[in-house]
Amino acid sequence: MKAIHKIAFVLVIIGALDWGLMAIGYYMSSNWNVVNLIFGSWPSFENLIYLLVGISALLLLFKKKENYVRDASESINL
């Protein structure tokens, strides 16, 4: 499970950087969508990348919530 967590973390970082670059590109009137620039000729693959980034974000979110609930219950039992 540790490898999946690391992959999810990397995908979320890539997605966040892509969103930031897209915003900067918008204000500079250019296309800085890195995923689109790399995989633009394969729209279905580009959408798969976005789907994996979204699933990774949900995975990290639920894992963080699970850790928070576990830590809270351990502190109550002290």
N, C-alpha and C. Protein backbone atom coordinates (compact mmCIF):
# COMPACT_ATOMS: atom_id res chain seq x y z
N MET A 1 0.82 -1.19 0.00
CA MET A 1 0.00 0.00 0.00
C MET A 1 0.86 1.26 0.00
N LYS A 2 2.06 1.12 0.50
CA LYS A 2 2.95 2.28 0.56
C LYS A 2 3.30 2.79 -0.84
N ALA A 3 3.49 1.87 -1.79
CA ALA A 3 3.83 2.27 -3.16
C ALA A 3 2.66 3.02 -3.80
N ILE A 4 1.44 2.55 -3.55
CA ILE A 4 0.26 3.23 -4.10
C ILE A 4 0.15 4.64 -3.53
N HIS A 5 0.45 4.78 -2.25
CA HIS A 5 0.41 6.10 -1.61
C HIS A 5 1.43 7.04 -2.25
N LYS A 6 2.63 6.55 -2.51
CA LYS A 6 3.66 7.37 -3.14
C LYS A 6 3.27 7.78 -4.56
N ILE A 7 2.73 6.83 -5.32
CA ILE A 7 2.29 7.13 -6.68
C ILE A 7 1.17 8.16 -6.66
N ALA A 8 0.22 7.98 -5.74
CA ALA A 8 -0.89 8.93 -5.62
C ALA A 8 -0.38 10.32 -5.26
N PHE A 9 0.59 10.38 -4.37
CA PHE A 9 1.17 11.67 -3.96
C PHE A 9 1.83 12.36 -5.14
N VAL A 10 2.59 11.62 -5.93
CA VAL A 10 3.27 12.19 -7.10
C VAL A 10 2.24 12.68 -8.12
N LEU A 11 1.19 11.90 -8.36
CA LEU A 11 0.16 12.31 -9.31
C LEU A 11 -0.56 13.57 -8.85
N VAL A 12 -0.83 13.68 -7.56
CA VAL A 12 -1.50 14.88 -7.05
C VAL A 12 -0.58 16.10 -7.19
N ILE A 13 0.69 15.95 -6.94
CA ILE A 13 1.64 17.05 -7.11
C ILE A 13 1.71 17.46 -8.57
N ILE A 14 1.77 16.48 -9.48
CA ILE A 14 1.79 16.80 -10.91
C ILE A 14 0.52 17.54 -11.31
N GLY A 15 -0.63 17.07 -10.82
CA GLY A 15 -1.89 17.73 -11.13
C GLY A 15 -1.95 19.15 -10.60
N ALA A 16 -1.46 19.35 -9.38
CA ALA A 16 -1.47 20.69 -8.80
C ALA A 16 -0.56 21.64 -9.57
N LEU A 17 0.61 21.16 -9.94
CA LEU A 17 1.53 22.00 -10.73
C LEU A 17 0.93 22.31 -12.10
N ASP A 18 0.26 21.32 -12.70
CA ASP A 18 -0.37 21.55 -13.99
C ASP A 18 -1.45 22.62 -13.88
N TRP A 19 -2.26 22.56 -12.84
CA TRP A 19 -3.30 23.58 -12.65
C TRP A 19 -2.70 24.96 -12.45
N GLY A 20 -1.62 25.03 -11.68
CA GLY A 20 -0.94 26.31 -11.47
C GLY A 20 -0.39 26.87 -12.77
N LEU A 21 0.22 26.01 -13.57
CA LEU A 21 0.77 26.45 -14.86
C LEU A 21 -0.35 26.85 -15.82
N MET A 22 -1.48 26.14 -15.76
CA MET A 22 -2.61 26.51 -16.61
C MET A 22 -3.10 27.92 -16.26
N ALA A 23 -3.16 28.24 -14.97
CA ALA A 23 -3.61 29.57 -14.55
C ALA A 23 -2.62 30.65 -15.00
N ILE A 24 -1.33 30.38 -14.84
CA ILE A 24 -0.33 31.35 -15.28
C ILE A 24 -0.41 31.53 -16.79
N GLY A 25 -0.56 30.42 -17.52
CA GLY A 25 -0.69 30.50 -18.97
C GLY A 25 -1.92 31.27 -19.41
N TYR A 26 -3.00 31.14 -18.66
CA TYR A 26 -4.22 31.88 -18.99
C TYR A 26 -3.97 33.38 -18.91
N TYR A 27 -3.29 33.81 -17.85
CA TYR A 27 -3.03 35.24 -17.68
C TYR A 27 -1.98 35.76 -18.66
N MET A 28 -1.18 34.87 -19.21
CA MET A 28 -0.18 35.28 -20.20
C MET A 28 -0.65 34.98 -21.62
N SER A 29 -1.91 34.60 -21.78
CA SER A 29 -2.52 34.30 -23.08
C SER A 29 -1.76 33.23 -23.86
N SER A 30 -1.41 32.15 -23.16
CA SER A 30 -0.76 31.03 -23.83
C SER A 30 -1.22 29.73 -23.18
N ASN A 31 -0.90 28.61 -23.79
CA ASN A 31 -1.30 27.30 -23.29
C ASN A 31 -0.15 26.67 -22.52
N TRP A 32 -0.27 26.65 -21.20
CA TRP A 32 0.75 26.03 -20.37
C TRP A 32 0.23 24.77 -19.71
N ASN A 33 -0.78 24.16 -20.29
CA ASN A 33 -1.30 22.90 -19.79
C ASN A 33 -0.33 21.80 -20.20
N VAL A 34 0.50 21.36 -19.28
CA VAL A 34 1.58 20.44 -19.59
C VAL A 34 1.04 19.09 -20.06
N VAL A 35 -0.02 18.61 -19.42
CA VAL A 35 -0.59 17.33 -19.82
C VAL A 35 -1.10 17.41 -21.26
N ASN A 36 -1.75 18.52 -21.59
CA ASN A 36 -2.24 18.72 -22.95
C ASN A 36 -1.09 18.86 -23.94
N LEU A 37 -0.03 19.53 -23.55
CA LEU A 37 1.12 19.70 -24.45
C LEU A 37 1.81 18.38 -24.72
N ILE A 38 1.85 17.49 -23.72
CA ILE A 38 2.52 16.20 -23.90
C ILE A 38 1.61 15.20 -24.62
N PHE A 39 0.34 15.12 -24.17
CA PHE A 39 -0.56 14.10 -24.69
C PHE A 39 -1.72 14.68 -25.49
N GLY A 40 -1.56 15.88 -26.03
CA GLY A 40 -2.65 16.54 -26.74
C GLY A 40 -3.17 15.79 -27.95
N SER A 41 -2.32 15.01 -28.60
CA SER A 41 -2.76 14.27 -29.78
C SER A 41 -3.56 13.03 -29.40
N TRP A 42 -3.59 12.68 -28.11
CA TRP A 42 -4.35 11.54 -27.60
C TRP A 42 -5.31 12.02 -26.52
N PRO A 43 -6.44 12.59 -26.90
CA PRO A 43 -7.36 13.16 -25.90
C PRO A 43 -7.85 12.13 -24.88
N SER A 44 -8.06 10.89 -25.28
CA SER A 44 -8.53 9.89 -24.32
C SER A 44 -7.46 9.59 -23.28
N PHE A 45 -6.19 9.59 -23.69
CA PHE A 45 -5.10 9.36 -22.74
C PHE A 45 -4.95 10.56 -21.81
N GLU A 46 -5.14 11.75 -22.36
CA GLU A 46 -5.09 12.97 -21.54
C GLU A 46 -6.18 12.93 -20.46
N ASN A 47 -7.38 12.51 -20.84
CA ASN A 47 -8.47 12.40 -19.87
C ASN A 47 -8.19 11.31 -18.84
N LEU A 48 -7.52 10.24 -19.25
CA LEU A 48 -7.13 9.19 -18.31
C LEU A 48 -6.17 9.74 -17.26
N ILE A 49 -5.23 10.58 -17.67
CA ILE A 49 -4.30 11.20 -16.73
C ILE A 49 -5.07 12.05 -15.71
N TYR A 50 -6.02 12.84 -16.19
CA TYR A 50 -6.82 13.67 -15.28
C TYR A 50 -7.63 12.80 -14.33
N LEU A 51 -8.17 11.68 -14.82
CA LEU A 51 -8.92 10.77 -13.97
C LEU A 51 -8.04 10.17 -12.89
N LEU A 52 -6.82 9.76 -13.26
CA LEU A 52 -5.89 9.20 -12.27
C LEU A 52 -5.49 10.23 -11.21
N VAL A 53 -5.32 11.48 -11.62
CA VAL A 53 -5.00 12.54 -10.66
C VAL A 53 -6.16 12.73 -9.68
N GLY A 54 -7.38 12.73 -10.19
CA GLY A 54 -8.56 12.88 -9.32
C GLY A 54 -8.72 11.72 -8.36
N ILE A 55 -8.55 10.50 -8.85
CA ILE A 55 -8.64 9.31 -7.98
C ILE A 55 -7.53 9.35 -6.93
N SER A 56 -6.35 9.79 -7.32
CA SER A 56 -5.24 9.89 -6.37
C SER A 56 -5.55 10.89 -5.26
N ALA A 57 -6.17 12.02 -5.63
CA ALA A 57 -6.54 13.02 -4.63
C ALA A 57 -7.55 12.44 -3.64
N LEU A 58 -8.53 11.70 -4.15
CA LEU A 58 -9.51 11.07 -3.26
C LEU A 58 -8.86 10.04 -2.35
N LEU A 59 -7.94 9.26 -2.90
CA LEU A 59 -7.23 8.26 -2.11
C LEU A 59 -6.47 8.92 -0.96
N LEU A 60 -5.75 9.99 -1.26
CA LEU A 60 -5.00 10.70 -0.22
C LEU A 60 -5.93 11.34 0.80
N LEU A 61 -7.05 11.87 0.33
CA LEU A 61 -8.02 12.50 1.23
C LEU A 61 -8.59 11.49 2.21
N PHE A 62 -9.02 10.34 1.73
CA PHE A 62 -9.60 9.33 2.61
C PHE A 62 -8.55 8.70 3.51
N LYS A 63 -7.34 8.54 3.02
CA LYS A 63 -6.25 8.01 3.86
C LYS A 63 -5.93 8.98 4.99
N LYS A 64 -5.92 10.28 4.68
CA LYS A 64 -5.65 11.29 5.70
C LYS A 64 -6.77 11.29 6.74
N LYS A 65 -8.03 11.17 6.29
CA LYS A 65 -9.15 11.13 7.21
C LYS A 65 -9.06 9.91 8.11
N GLU A 66 -8.69 8.77 7.52
CA GLU A 66 -8.54 7.54 8.29
C GLU A 66 -7.46 7.70 9.36
N ASN A 67 -6.34 8.31 9.02
CA ASN A 67 -5.27 8.54 9.99
C ASN A 67 -5.71 9.50 11.09
N TYR A 68 -6.49 10.52 10.73
CA TYR A 68 -6.97 11.49 11.71
C TYR A 68 -7.91 10.83 12.71
N VAL A 69 -8.82 10.00 12.23
CA VAL A 69 -9.77 9.31 13.12
C VAL A 69 -9.01 8.35 14.02
N ARG A 70 -8.04 7.63 13.48
CA ARG A 70 -7.26 6.68 14.27
C ARG A 70 -6.45 7.41 15.35
N ASP A 71 -5.80 8.52 14.99
CA ASP A 71 -5.02 9.28 15.96
C ASP A 71 -5.90 9.87 17.05
N ALA A 72 -7.10 10.33 16.68
CA ALA A 72 -8.02 10.90 17.66
C ALA A 72 -8.48 9.82 18.64
N SER A 73 -8.76 8.62 18.15
CA SER A 73 -9.21 7.56 19.05
C SER A 73 -8.08 7.07 19.95
N GLU A 74 -6.85 7.10 19.46
CA GLU A 74 -5.71 6.70 20.30
C GLU A 74 -5.47 7.73 21.40
N SER A 75 -5.66 9.00 21.12
CA SER A 75 -5.43 10.01 22.14
C SER A 75 -6.52 9.97 23.21
N ILE A 76 -7.72 9.54 22.86
CA ILE A 76 -8.79 9.41 23.85
C ILE A 76 -8.50 8.23 24.78
N ASN A 77 -7.91 7.19 24.27
CA ASN A 77 -7.63 5.98 25.06
C ASN A 77 -6.44 6.14 25.99
N LEU A 78 -5.69 7.23 25.88
CA LEU A 78 -4.54 7.42 26.75
C LEU A 78 -5.02 7.68 28.11
